[in-house]
């Protein structure tokens, strides 16, 4: 789902997306001309493989996100610890954001029950 950056106002706008059994709830609010505040929640089940033995496992996600979305290259530097996602061409791609956050979560190490006890 692509949204034009200028369509987001100072009033929060909500969106809901699904990817398999995962759900992504997003609230966007304009923070400045080139910056949006994004609060989101991802929850549901995610199929994954044990990082030790390779067995199939299911991860239970219930993650809250708080980040900034920049229209173009982020140069404002409000806080060096801010999580900022940059989009170009005045468009926000929520599908891309959703998949990116799932992949970031999966980049951690996860073990099945038998490997946790080793």
C-alpha atoms as a PDB file:
ATOM      1  CA  UNK A   1       0.000   0.000   0.000  1.00  0.00           C
ATOM      2  CA  UNK A   2       1.513   3.272  -1.129  1.00  0.00           C
ATOM      3  CA  UNK A   3       0.464   6.592   0.351  1.00  0.00           C
ATOM      4  CA  UNK A   4       1.378  10.066  -0.780  1.00  0.00           C
ATOM      5  CA  UNK A   5       3.420  11.827   1.897  1.00  0.00           C
ATOM      6  CA  UNK A   6       1.403  15.051   1.662  1.00  0.00           C
ATOM      7  CA  UNK A   7      -1.871  13.179   2.362  1.00  0.00           C
ATOM      8  CA  UNK A   8      -0.869  12.661   6.011  1.00  0.00           C
ATOM      9  CA  UNK A   9      -1.957  15.473   8.322  1.00  0.00           C
ATOM     10  CA  UNK A  10      -1.426  16.456  11.957  1.00  0.00           C
ATOM     11  CA  UNK A  11      -4.320  14.164  12.880  1.00  0.00           C
ATOM     12  CA  UNK A  12      -3.311  10.487  13.189  1.00  0.00           C
ATOM     13  CA  UNK A  13      -4.234   8.306  10.226  1.00  0.00           C
ATOM     14  CA  UNK A  14      -4.535   4.545  10.796  1.00  0.00           C
ATOM     15  CA  UNK A  15      -3.828   1.653   8.434  1.00  0.00           C
ATOM     16  CA  UNK A  16      -3.982  -2.120   8.788  1.00  0.00           C
ATOM     17  CA  UNK A  17      -2.072  -4.632   6.669  1.00  0.00           C
ATOM     18  CA  UNK A  18      -1.754  -8.414   6.708  1.00  0.00           C
ATOM     19  CA  UNK A  19       1.025 -10.737   5.602  1.00  0.00           C
ATOM     20  CA  UNK A  20       0.095 -14.379   6.152  1.00  0.00           C
ATOM     21  CA  UNK A  21      -0.941 -14.645   9.798  1.00  0.00           C
ATOM     22  CA  UNK A  22       0.855 -11.416  10.755  1.00  0.00           C
ATOM     23  CA  UNK A  23      -1.023  -8.163  11.199  1.00  0.00           C
ATOM     24  CA  UNK A  24       0.471  -4.679  11.031  1.00  0.00           C
ATOM     25  CA  UNK A  25      -1.370  -1.744  12.575  1.00  0.00           C
ATOM     26  CA  UNK A  26       0.103   1.659  11.722  1.00  0.00           C
ATOM     27  CA  UNK A  27      -0.667   5.187  12.905  1.00  0.00           C
ATOM     28  CA  UNK A  28       0.936   8.024  10.968  1.00  0.00           C
ATOM     29  CA  UNK A  29       0.975  11.674  11.981  1.00  0.00           C
ATOM     30  CA  UNK A  30       2.723  14.632  10.402  1.00  0.00           C
ATOM     31  CA  UNK A  31       5.552  15.946  12.561  1.00  0.00           C
ATOM     32  CA  UNK A  32       6.987  18.492  10.111  1.00  0.00           C
ATOM     33  CA  UNK A  33       6.980  19.190   6.364  1.00  0.00           C
ATOM     34  CA  UNK A  34       9.326  16.296   5.624  1.00  0.00           C
ATOM     35  CA  UNK A  35       8.863  14.072   8.663  1.00  0.00           C
ATOM     36  CA  UNK A  36       6.120  11.763   9.947  1.00  0.00           C
ATOM     37  CA  UNK A  37       5.761  10.079  13.299  1.00  0.00           C
ATOM     38  CA  UNK A  38       4.923   6.377  12.975  1.00  0.00           C
ATOM     39  CA  UNK A  39       3.686   4.173  15.784  1.00  0.00           C
ATOM     40  CA  UNK A  40       2.911   0.615  14.809  1.00  0.00           C
ATOM     41  CA  UNK A  41       2.273  -2.862  16.140  1.00  0.00           C
ATOM     42  CA  UNK A  42       3.065  -6.201  14.518  1.00  0.00           C
ATOM     43  CA  UNK A  43       1.496  -9.321  15.939  1.00  0.00           C
ATOM     44  CA  UNK A  44       0.732 -12.878  14.946  1.00  0.00           C
ATOM     45  CA  UNK A  45       2.594 -16.090  14.170  1.00  0.00           C
ATOM     46  CA  UNK A  46       5.691 -16.225  11.993  1.00  0.00           C
ATOM     47  CA  UNK A  47       7.108 -19.457  10.560  1.00  0.00           C
ATOM     48  CA  UNK A  48      10.870 -19.654  11.054  1.00  0.00           C
ATOM     49  CA  UNK A  49      13.676 -22.210  11.394  1.00  0.00           C
ATOM     50  CA  UNK A  50      15.701 -22.949  14.491  1.00  0.00           C
ATOM     51  CA  UNK A  51      19.044 -21.219  14.060  1.00  0.00           C
ATOM     52  CA  UNK A  52      20.887 -24.193  15.543  1.00  0.00           C
ATOM     53  CA  UNK A  53      19.278 -27.353  14.116  1.00  0.00           C
ATOM     54  CA  UNK A  54      17.053 -25.993  11.316  1.00  0.00           C
ATOM     55  CA  UNK A  55      13.780 -27.467  12.627  1.00  0.00           C
ATOM     56  CA  UNK A  56      10.587 -25.571  11.856  1.00  0.00           C
ATOM     57  CA  UNK A  57       9.405 -23.287  14.657  1.00  0.00           C
ATOM     58  CA  UNK A  58       6.684 -20.699  15.031  1.00  0.00           C
ATOM     59  CA  UNK A  59       7.544 -17.312  16.508  1.00  0.00           C
ATOM     60  CA  UNK A  60       4.863 -15.389  18.362  1.00  0.00           C
ATOM     61  CA  UNK A  61       5.226 -11.717  17.525  1.00  0.00           C
ATOM     62  CA  UNK A  62       3.755  -8.854  19.507  1.00  0.00           C
ATOM     63  CA  UNK A  63       6.066  -5.936  18.789  1.00  0.00           C
ATOM     64  CA  UNK A  64       5.462  -2.222  19.158  1.00  0.00           C
ATOM     65  CA  UNK A  65       7.380   0.123  16.880  1.00  0.00           C
ATOM     66  CA  UNK A  66       8.059   3.814  17.124  1.00  0.00           C
ATOM     67  CA  UNK A  67       9.918   5.421  14.266  1.00  0.00           C
ATOM     68  CA  UNK A  68      10.147   8.441  12.039  1.00  0.00           C
ATOM     69  CA  UNK A  69       9.438   8.440   8.324  1.00  0.00           C
ATOM     70  CA  UNK A  70      11.352  10.938   6.244  1.00  0.00           C
ATOM     71  CA  UNK A  71      10.320  12.284   2.868  1.00  0.00           C
ATOM     72  CA  UNK A  72      13.745  12.021   1.236  1.00  0.00           C
ATOM     73  CA  UNK A  73      17.149  11.887   2.871  1.00  0.00           C
ATOM     74  CA  UNK A  74      16.960  12.483   6.624  1.00  0.00           C
ATOM     75  CA  UNK A  75      19.246  15.360   7.578  1.00  0.00           C
ATOM     76  CA  UNK A  76      17.453  16.930  10.527  1.00  0.00           C
ATOM     77  CA  UNK A  77      19.332  14.922  13.152  1.00  0.00           C
ATOM     78  CA  UNK A  78      16.896  15.599  16.022  1.00  0.00           C
ATOM     79  CA  UNK A  79      18.228  12.675  17.981  1.00  0.00           C
ATOM     80  CA  UNK A  80      20.957  10.305  16.881  1.00  0.00           C
ATOM     81  CA  UNK A  81      19.037   7.404  18.425  1.00  0.00           C
ATOM     82  CA  UNK A  82      15.902   7.969  16.330  1.00  0.00           C
ATOM     83  CA  UNK A  83      14.870   5.088  14.088  1.00  0.00           C
ATOM     84  CA  UNK A  84      14.299   6.775  10.735  1.00  0.00           C
ATOM     85  CA  UNK A  85      13.016   5.220   7.525  1.00  0.00           C
ATOM     86  CA  UNK A  86      13.623   7.235   4.384  1.00  0.00           C
ATOM     87  CA  UNK A  87      11.244   7.114   1.423  1.00  0.00           C
ATOM     88  CA  UNK A  88      11.755   8.848  -1.902  1.00  0.00           C
ATOM     89  CA  UNK A  89       9.372  10.219  -4.537  1.00  0.00           C
ATOM     90  CA  UNK A  90       6.891  11.592  -1.958  1.00  0.00           C
ATOM     91  CA  UNK A  91       5.505   8.074  -1.344  1.00  0.00           C
ATOM     92  CA  UNK A  92       5.362   5.905   1.751  1.00  0.00           C
ATOM     93  CA  UNK A  93       5.290   2.186   0.985  1.00  0.00           C
ATOM     94  CA  UNK A  94       3.684   0.511   4.012  1.00  0.00           C
ATOM     95  CA  UNK A  95       4.138  -2.973   2.513  1.00  0.00           C
ATOM     96  CA  UNK A  96       7.874  -2.360   2.251  1.00  0.00           C
ATOM     97  CA  UNK A  97       7.965  -1.037   5.816  1.00  0.00           C
ATOM     98  CA  UNK A  98       6.041  -4.093   7.083  1.00  0.00           C
ATOM     99  CA  UNK A  99       8.334  -6.591   5.324  1.00  0.00           C
ATOM    100  CA  UNK A 100      11.422  -4.691   6.448  1.00  0.00           C
ATOM    101  CA  UNK A 101      10.346  -4.861  10.092  1.00  0.00           C
ATOM    102  CA  UNK A 102       9.579  -8.590   9.810  1.00  0.00           C
ATOM    103  CA  UNK A 103      13.030  -9.241   8.319  1.00  0.00           C
ATOM    104  CA  UNK A 104      14.677  -7.147  11.030  1.00  0.00           C
ATOM    105  CA  UNK A 105      12.905  -9.253  13.668  1.00  0.00           C
ATOM    106  CA  UNK A 106      13.942 -12.499  11.963  1.00  0.00           C
ATOM    107  CA  UNK A 107      17.594 -11.411  11.923  1.00  0.00           C
ATOM    108  CA  UNK A 108      17.854 -12.268  15.620  1.00  0.00           C
ATOM    109  CA  UNK A 109      18.664 -15.834  16.775  1.00  0.00           C
ATOM    110  CA  UNK A 110      15.763 -18.131  17.601  1.00  0.00           C
ATOM    111  CA  UNK A 111      16.010 -21.693  18.906  1.00  0.00           C
ATOM    112  CA  UNK A 112      13.538 -24.556  19.167  1.00  0.00           C
ATOM    113  CA  UNK A 113      12.764 -25.987  22.601  1.00  0.00           C
ATOM    114  CA  UNK A 114      15.313 -28.813  22.377  1.00  0.00           C
ATOM    115  CA  UNK A 115      18.135 -26.426  21.330  1.00  0.00           C
ATOM    116  CA  UNK A 116      17.295 -23.904  24.065  1.00  0.00           C
ATOM    117  CA  UNK A 117      18.231 -26.506  26.642  1.00  0.00           C
ATOM    118  CA  UNK A 118      21.662 -27.324  25.180  1.00  0.00           C
END
